[in-house]
Amino acid sequence: MRELNAVEAEARKPESQSGSIIRQGMVLLVLYLVLRIVTYYINRENFSVVETNPVGDALHFCKLTMC
């Protein structure tokens, strides 16, 4: 019986944690975007551009600062 349990234990594969890594990455991305959008809204009068759509401009600002 011990041999059977040992074989079963060896046959089990460790569970993948890629789901938690993806979830963590998504949470960090959302947090980054929220913080950058807030930063844009607080400082938008200091930018010398023609504002078209505040949300679109804020997301563009996020994209530029991320790279």
PDB file of N, CA and C in Angstrom:
ATOM      1  N   MET A   1       0.822  -1.197   0.000  1.00  0.00           N
ATOM      2  CA  MET A   1       0.000   0.000   0.000  1.00  0.00           C
ATOM      3  C   MET A   1       0.865   1.260   0.000  1.00  0.00           C
ATOM      4  N   ARG A   2       1.994   1.204   0.744  1.00  0.00           N
ATOM      5  CA  ARG A   2       2.883   2.355   0.778  1.00  0.00           C
ATOM      6  C   ARG A   2       3.455   2.655  -0.606  1.00  0.00           C
ATOM      7  N   GLU A   3       3.774   1.607  -1.327  1.00  0.00           N
ATOM      8  CA  GLU A   3       4.336   1.794  -2.661  1.00  0.00           C
ATOM      9  C   GLU A   3       3.329   2.460  -3.590  1.00  0.00           C
ATOM     10  N   LEU A   4       2.063   2.097  -3.469  1.00  0.00           N
ATOM     11  CA  LEU A   4       1.018   2.691  -4.290  1.00  0.00           C
ATOM     12  C   LEU A   4       0.867   4.175  -3.964  1.00  0.00           C
ATOM     13  N   ASN A   5       0.886   4.527  -2.690  1.00  0.00           N
ATOM     14  CA  ASN A   5       0.787   5.933  -2.294  1.00  0.00           C
ATOM     15  C   ASN A   5       1.996   6.723  -2.771  1.00  0.00           C
ATOM     16  N   ALA A   6       3.177   6.100  -2.726  1.00  0.00           N
ATOM     17  CA  ALA A   6       4.387   6.782  -3.185  1.00  0.00           C
ATOM     18  C   ALA A   6       4.321   7.042  -4.688  1.00  0.00           C
ATOM     19  N   VAL A   7       3.819   6.072  -5.448  1.00  0.00           N
ATOM     20  CA  VAL A   7       3.695   6.236  -6.893  1.00  0.00           C
ATOM     21  C   VAL A   7       2.674   7.317  -7.217  1.00  0.00           C
ATOM     22  N   GLU A   8       1.568   7.363  -6.498  1.00  0.00           N
ATOM     23  CA  GLU A   8       0.543   8.383  -6.726  1.00  0.00           C
ATOM     24  C   GLU A   8       1.075   9.764  -6.382  1.00  0.00           C
ATOM     25  N   ALA A   9       1.858   9.869  -5.321  1.00  0.00           N
ATOM     26  CA  ALA A   9       2.420  11.156  -4.928  1.00  0.00           C
ATOM     27  C   ALA A   9       3.395  11.664  -5.990  1.00  0.00           C
ATOM     28  N   GLU A  10       4.177  10.771  -6.571  1.00  0.00           N
ATOM     29  CA  GLU A  10       5.118  11.168  -7.608  1.00  0.00           C
ATOM     30  C   GLU A  10       4.398  11.552  -8.898  1.00  0.00           C
ATOM     31  N   ALA A  11       3.269  10.930  -9.164  1.00  0.00           N
ATOM     32  CA  ALA A  11       2.539  11.176 -10.406  1.00  0.00           C
ATOM     33  C   ALA A  11       1.824  12.517 -10.398  1.00  0.00           C
ATOM     34  N   ARG A  12       1.512  13.051  -9.221  1.00  0.00           N
ATOM     35  CA  ARG A  12       0.811  14.330  -9.139  1.00  0.00           C
ATOM     36  C   ARG A  12       1.737  15.455  -9.574  1.00  0.00           C
ATOM     37  N   LYS A  13       1.210  16.340 -10.359  1.00  0.00           N
ATOM     38  CA  LYS A  13       1.979  17.490 -10.826  1.00  0.00           C
ATOM     39  C   LYS A  13       1.621  18.687  -9.954  1.00  0.00           C
ATOM     40  N   PRO A  14       2.552  19.583  -9.739  1.00  0.00           N
ATOM     41  CA  PRO A  14       2.218  20.793  -8.972  1.00  0.00           C
ATOM     42  C   PRO A  14       1.243  21.656  -9.756  1.00  0.00           C
ATOM     43  N   GLU A  15       0.371  22.311  -9.038  1.00  0.00           N
ATOM     44  CA  GLU A  15      -0.627  23.156  -9.687  1.00  0.00           C
ATOM     45  C   GLU A  15       0.036  24.421 -10.230  1.00  0.00           C
ATOM     46  N   SER A  16      -0.400  24.835 -11.372  1.00  0.00           N
ATOM     47  CA  SER A  16       0.140  26.030 -12.003  1.00  0.00           C
ATOM     48  C   SER A  16      -0.412  27.269 -11.306  1.00  0.00           C
ATOM     49  N   GLN A  17       0.435  28.263 -11.155  1.00  0.00           N
ATOM     50  CA  GLN A  17      -0.001  29.503 -10.527  1.00  0.00           C
ATOM     51  C   GLN A  17      -0.086  30.629 -11.547  1.00  0.00           C
ATOM     52  N   SER A  18      -0.186  30.281 -12.804  1.00  0.00           N
ATOM     53  CA  SER A  18      -0.240  31.325 -13.826  1.00  0.00           C
ATOM     54  C   SER A  18      -1.505  32.171 -13.688  1.00  0.00           C
ATOM     55  N   GLY A  19      -2.584  31.592 -13.187  1.00  0.00           N
ATOM     56  CA  GLY A  19      -3.813  32.362 -12.988  1.00  0.00           C
ATOM     57  C   GLY A  19      -3.609  33.481 -11.995  1.00  0.00           C
ATOM     58  N   SER A  20      -2.888  33.205 -10.916  1.00  0.00           N
ATOM     59  CA  SER A  20      -2.672  34.246  -9.918  1.00  0.00           C
ATOM     60  C   SER A  20      -1.697  35.299 -10.432  1.00  0.00           C
ATOM     61  N   ILE A  21      -0.748  34.911 -11.269  1.00  0.00           N
ATOM     62  CA  ILE A  21       0.184  35.882 -11.840  1.00  0.00           C
ATOM     63  C   ILE A  21      -0.558  36.813 -12.794  1.00  0.00           C
ATOM     64  N   ILE A  22      -1.432  36.257 -13.599  1.00  0.00           N
ATOM     65  CA  ILE A  22      -2.224  37.072 -14.523  1.00  0.00           C
ATOM     66  C   ILE A  22      -3.145  38.002 -13.747  1.00  0.00           C
ATOM     67  N   ARG A  23      -3.780  37.473 -12.720  1.00  0.00           N
ATOM     68  CA  ARG A  23      -4.675  38.299 -11.888  1.00  0.00           C
ATOM     69  C   ARG A  23      -3.887  39.432 -11.233  1.00  0.00           C
ATOM     70  N   GLN A  24      -2.708  39.129 -10.713  1.00  0.00           N
ATOM     71  CA  GLN A  24      -1.888  40.149 -10.081  1.00  0.00           C
ATOM     72  C   GLN A  24      -1.453  41.205 -11.099  1.00  0.00           C
ATOM     73  N   GLY A  25      -1.096  40.779 -12.291  1.00  0.00           N
ATOM     74  CA  GLY A  25      -0.723  41.727 -13.336  1.00  0.00           C
ATOM     75  C   GLY A  25      -1.871  42.645 -13.725  1.00  0.00           C
ATOM     76  N   MET A  26      -3.062  42.077 -13.819  1.00  0.00           N
ATOM     77  CA  MET A  26      -4.237  42.888 -14.165  1.00  0.00           C
ATOM     78  C   MET A  26      -4.545  43.903 -13.060  1.00  0.00           C
ATOM     79  N   VAL A  27      -4.451  43.472 -11.811  1.00  0.00           N
ATOM     80  CA  VAL A  27      -4.705  44.383 -10.686  1.00  0.00           C
ATOM     81  C   VAL A  27      -3.692  45.516 -10.697  1.00  0.00           C
ATOM     82  N   LEU A  28      -2.423  45.202 -10.925  1.00  0.00           N
ATOM     83  CA  LEU A  28      -1.399  46.238 -10.962  1.00  0.00           C
ATOM     84  C   LEU A  28      -1.598  47.181 -12.144  1.00  0.00           C
ATOM     85  N   LEU A  29      -2.022  46.660 -13.286  1.00  0.00           N
ATOM     86  CA  LEU A  29      -2.289  47.513 -14.445  1.00  0.00           C
ATOM     87  C   LEU A  29      -3.444  48.470 -14.168  1.00  0.00           C
ATOM     88  N   VAL A  30      -4.515  47.961 -13.592  1.00  0.00           N
ATOM     89  CA  VAL A  30      -5.661  48.817 -13.265  1.00  0.00           C
ATOM     90  C   VAL A  30      -5.259  49.876 -12.242  1.00  0.00           C
ATOM     91  N   LEU A  31      -4.489  49.480 -11.242  1.00  0.00           N
ATOM     92  CA  LEU A  31      -4.024  50.436 -10.234  1.00  0.00           C
ATOM     93  C   LEU A  31      -3.159  51.513 -10.878  1.00  0.00           C
ATOM     94  N   TYR A  32      -2.264  51.109 -11.770  1.00  0.00           N
ATOM     95  CA  TYR A  32      -1.418  52.068 -12.478  1.00  0.00           C
ATOM     96  C   TYR A  32      -2.262  53.046 -13.289  1.00  0.00           C
ATOM     97  N   LEU A  33      -3.227  52.521 -14.043  1.00  0.00           N
ATOM     98  CA  LEU A  33      -4.065  53.390 -14.872  1.00  0.00           C
ATOM     99  C   LEU A  33      -4.868  54.365 -14.024  1.00  0.00           C
ATOM    100  N   VAL A  34      -5.423  53.894 -12.921  1.00  0.00           N
ATOM    101  CA  VAL A  34      -6.208  54.774 -12.047  1.00  0.00           C
ATOM    102  C   VAL A  34      -5.327  55.887 -11.479  1.00  0.00           C
ATOM    103  N   LEU A  35      -4.142  55.528 -11.007  1.00  0.00           N
ATOM    104  CA  LEU A  35      -3.252  56.545 -10.444  1.00  0.00           C
ATOM    105  C   LEU A  35      -2.815  57.560 -11.495  1.00  0.00           C
ATOM    106  N   ARG A  36      -2.540  57.107 -12.713  1.00  0.00           N
ATOM    107  CA  ARG A  36      -2.129  58.026 -13.765  1.00  0.00           C
ATOM    108  C   ARG A  36      -3.281  58.911 -14.231  1.00  0.00           C
ATOM    109  N   ILE A  37      -4.472  58.380 -14.282  1.00  0.00           N
ATOM    110  CA  ILE A  37      -5.629  59.199 -14.670  1.00  0.00           C
ATOM    111  C   ILE A  37      -5.877  60.273 -13.627  1.00  0.00           C
ATOM    112  N   VAL A  38      -5.782  59.919 -12.353  1.00  0.00           N
ATOM    113  CA  VAL A  38      -5.940  60.910 -11.277  1.00  0.00           C
ATOM    114  C   VAL A  38      -4.847  61.971 -11.382  1.00  0.00           C
ATOM    115  N   THR A  39      -3.617  61.544 -11.652  1.00  0.00           N
ATOM    116  CA  THR A  39      -2.507  62.489 -11.816  1.00  0.00           C
ATOM    117  C   THR A  39      -2.774  63.436 -12.975  1.00  0.00           C
ATOM    118  N   TYR A  40      -3.298  62.911 -14.070  1.00  0.00           N
ATOM    119  CA  TYR A  40      -3.600  63.747 -15.221  1.00  0.00           C
ATOM    120  C   TYR A  40      -4.680  64.776 -14.877  1.00  0.00           C
ATOM    121  N   TYR A  41      -5.734  64.321 -14.207  1.00  0.00           N
ATOM    122  CA  TYR A  41      -6.820  65.249 -13.881  1.00  0.00           C
ATOM    123  C   TYR A  41      -6.376  66.334 -12.914  1.00  0.00           C
ATOM    124  N   ILE A  42      -5.486  65.992 -11.997  1.00  0.00           N
ATOM    125  CA  ILE A  42      -5.016  66.997 -11.045  1.00  0.00           C
ATOM    126  C   ILE A  42      -4.147  68.036 -11.739  1.00  0.00           C
ATOM    127  N   ASN A  43      -3.342  67.615 -12.692  1.00  0.00           N
ATOM    128  CA  ASN A  43      -2.370  68.505 -13.342  1.00  0.00           C
ATOM    129  C   ASN A  43      -2.738  68.899 -14.764  1.00  0.00           C
ATOM    130  N   ARG A  44      -3.953  68.706 -15.191  1.00  0.00           N
ATOM    131  CA  ARG A  44      -4.267  68.935 -16.604  1.00  0.00           C
ATOM    132  C   ARG A  44      -4.153  70.397 -17.021  1.00  0.00           C
ATOM    133  N   GLU A  45      -4.268  71.349 -16.112  1.00  0.00           N
ATOM    134  CA  GLU A  45      -4.105  72.750 -16.507  1.00  0.00           C
ATOM    135  C   GLU A  45      -2.635  73.093 -16.769  1.00  0.00           C
ATOM    136  N   ASN A  46      -1.714  72.243 -16.328  1.00  0.00           N
ATOM    137  CA  ASN A  46      -0.283  72.481 -16.560  1.00  0.00           C
ATOM    138  C   ASN A  46       0.193  71.958 -17.915  1.00  0.00           C
ATOM    139  N   PHE A  47      -0.646  71.233 -18.646  1.00  0.00           N
ATOM    140  CA  PHE A  47      -0.289  70.736 -19.972  1.00  0.00           C
ATOM    141  C   PHE A  47      -0.711  71.761 -21.015  1.00  0.00           C
ATOM    142  N   SER A  48       0.147  71.959 -22.030  1.00  0.00           N
ATOM    143  CA  SER A  48      -0.165  72.941 -23.070  1.00  0.00           C
ATOM    144  C   SER A  48      -0.607  72.224 -24.347  1.00  0.00           C
ATOM    145  N   VAL A  49      -1.764  71.583 -24.280  1.00  0.00           N
ATOM    146  CA  VAL A  49      -2.326  70.889 -25.432  1.00  0.00           C
ATOM    147  C   VAL A  49      -3.795  71.237 -25.557  1.00  0.00           C
ATOM    148  N   VAL A  50      -4.357  70.955 -26.728  1.00  0.00           N
ATOM    149  CA  VAL A  50      -5.790  71.128 -26.922  1.00  0.00           C
ATOM    150  C   VAL A  50      -6.467  69.860 -26.413  1.00  0.00           C
ATOM    151  N   GLU A  51      -7.302  70.007 -25.404  1.00  0.00           N
ATOM    152  CA  GLU A  51      -7.964  68.852 -24.809  1.00  0.00           C
ATOM    153  C   GLU A  51      -9.157  68.448 -25.664  1.00  0.00           C
ATOM    154  N   THR A  52      -9.224  67.183 -26.022  1.00  0.00           N
ATOM    155  CA  THR A  52     -10.331  66.695 -26.843  1.00  0.00           C
ATOM    156  C   THR A  52     -11.332  65.935 -25.982  1.00  0.00           C
ATOM    157  N   ASN A  53     -10.921  64.835 -25.427  1.00  0.00           N
ATOM    158  CA  ASN A  53     -11.763  64.022 -24.559  1.00  0.00           C
ATOM    159  C   ASN A  53     -10.939  63.744 -23.302  1.00  0.00           C
ATOM    160  N   PRO A  54     -11.386  64.203 -22.141  1.00  0.00           N
ATOM    161  CA  PRO A  54     -10.571  64.066 -20.928  1.00  0.00           C
ATOM    162  C   PRO A  54     -10.160  62.627 -20.618  1.00  0.00           C
ATOM    163  N   VAL A  55     -11.062  61.677 -20.792  1.00  0.00           N
ATOM    164  CA  VAL A  55     -10.729  60.282 -20.494  1.00  0.00           C
ATOM    165  C   VAL A  55      -9.743  59.750 -21.526  1.00  0.00           C
ATOM    166  N   GLY A  56      -9.979  60.039 -22.791  1.00  0.00           N
ATOM    167  CA  GLY A  56      -9.057  59.611 -23.838  1.00  0.00           C
ATOM    168  C   GLY A  56      -7.684  60.240 -23.670  1.00  0.00           C
ATOM    169  N   ASP A  57      -7.653  61.520 -23.324  1.00  0.00           N
ATOM    170  CA  ASP A  57      -6.375  62.189 -23.091  1.00  0.00           C
ATOM    171  C   ASP A  57      -5.654  61.581 -21.886  1.00  0.00           C
ATOM    172  N   ALA A  58      -6.397  61.244 -20.850  1.00  0.00           N
ATOM    173  CA  ALA A  58      -5.793  60.638 -19.661  1.00  0.00           C
ATOM    174  C   ALA A  58      -5.213  59.258 -19.979  1.00  0.00           C
ATOM    175  N   LEU A  59      -5.924  58.471 -20.780  1.00  0.00           N
ATOM    176  CA  LEU A  59      -5.412  57.150 -21.156  1.00  0.00           C
ATOM    177  C   LEU A  59      -4.196  57.277 -22.071  1.00  0.00           C
ATOM    178  N   HIS A  60      -4.200  58.275 -22.947  1.00  0.00           N
ATOM    179  CA  HIS A  60      -3.032  58.516 -23.802  1.00  0.00           C
ATOM    180  C   HIS A  60      -1.832  58.916 -22.948  1.00  0.00           C
ATOM    181  N   PHE A  61      -2.074  59.741 -21.938  1.00  0.00           N
ATOM    182  CA  PHE A  61      -1.023  60.130 -20.997  1.00  0.00           C
ATOM    183  C   PHE A  61      -0.466  58.895 -20.291  1.00  0.00           C
ATOM    184  N   CYS A  62      -1.331  57.960 -19.901  1.00  0.00           N
ATOM    185  CA  CYS A  62      -0.897  56.719 -19.255  1.00  0.00           C
ATOM    186  C   CYS A  62      -0.012  55.913 -20.188  1.00  0.00           C
ATOM    187  N   LYS A  63      -0.419  55.816 -21.444  1.00  0.00           N
ATOM    188  CA  LYS A  63       0.357  55.045 -22.420  1.00  0.00           C
ATOM    189  C   LYS A  63       1.731  55.657 -22.621  1.00  0.00           C
ATOM    190  N   LEU A  64       1.795  56.959 -22.702  1.00  0.00           N
ATOM    191  CA  LEU A  64       3.079  57.615 -22.919  1.00  0.00           C
ATOM    192  C   LEU A  64       4.001  57.473 -21.718  1.00  0.00           C
ATOM    193  N   THR A  65       3.480  57.563 -20.528  1.00  0.00           N
ATOM    194  CA  THR A  65       4.322  57.462 -19.338  1.00  0.00           C
ATOM    195  C   THR A  65       4.701  56.035 -19.021  1.00  0.00           C
ATOM    196  N   MET A  66       3.980  55.057 -19.561  1.00  0.00           N
ATOM    197  CA  MET A  66       4.300  53.655 -19.299  1.00  0.00           C
ATOM    198  C   MET A  66       5.517  53.218 -20.108  1.00  0.00           C
ATOM    199  N   CYS A  67       5.674  53.762 -21.292  1.00  0.00           N
ATOM    200  CA  CYS A  67       6.774  53.321 -22.172  1.00  0.00           C
ATOM    201  C   CYS A  67       8.093  53.945 -21.824  1.00  0.00           C
TER     202      CYS A  67
END
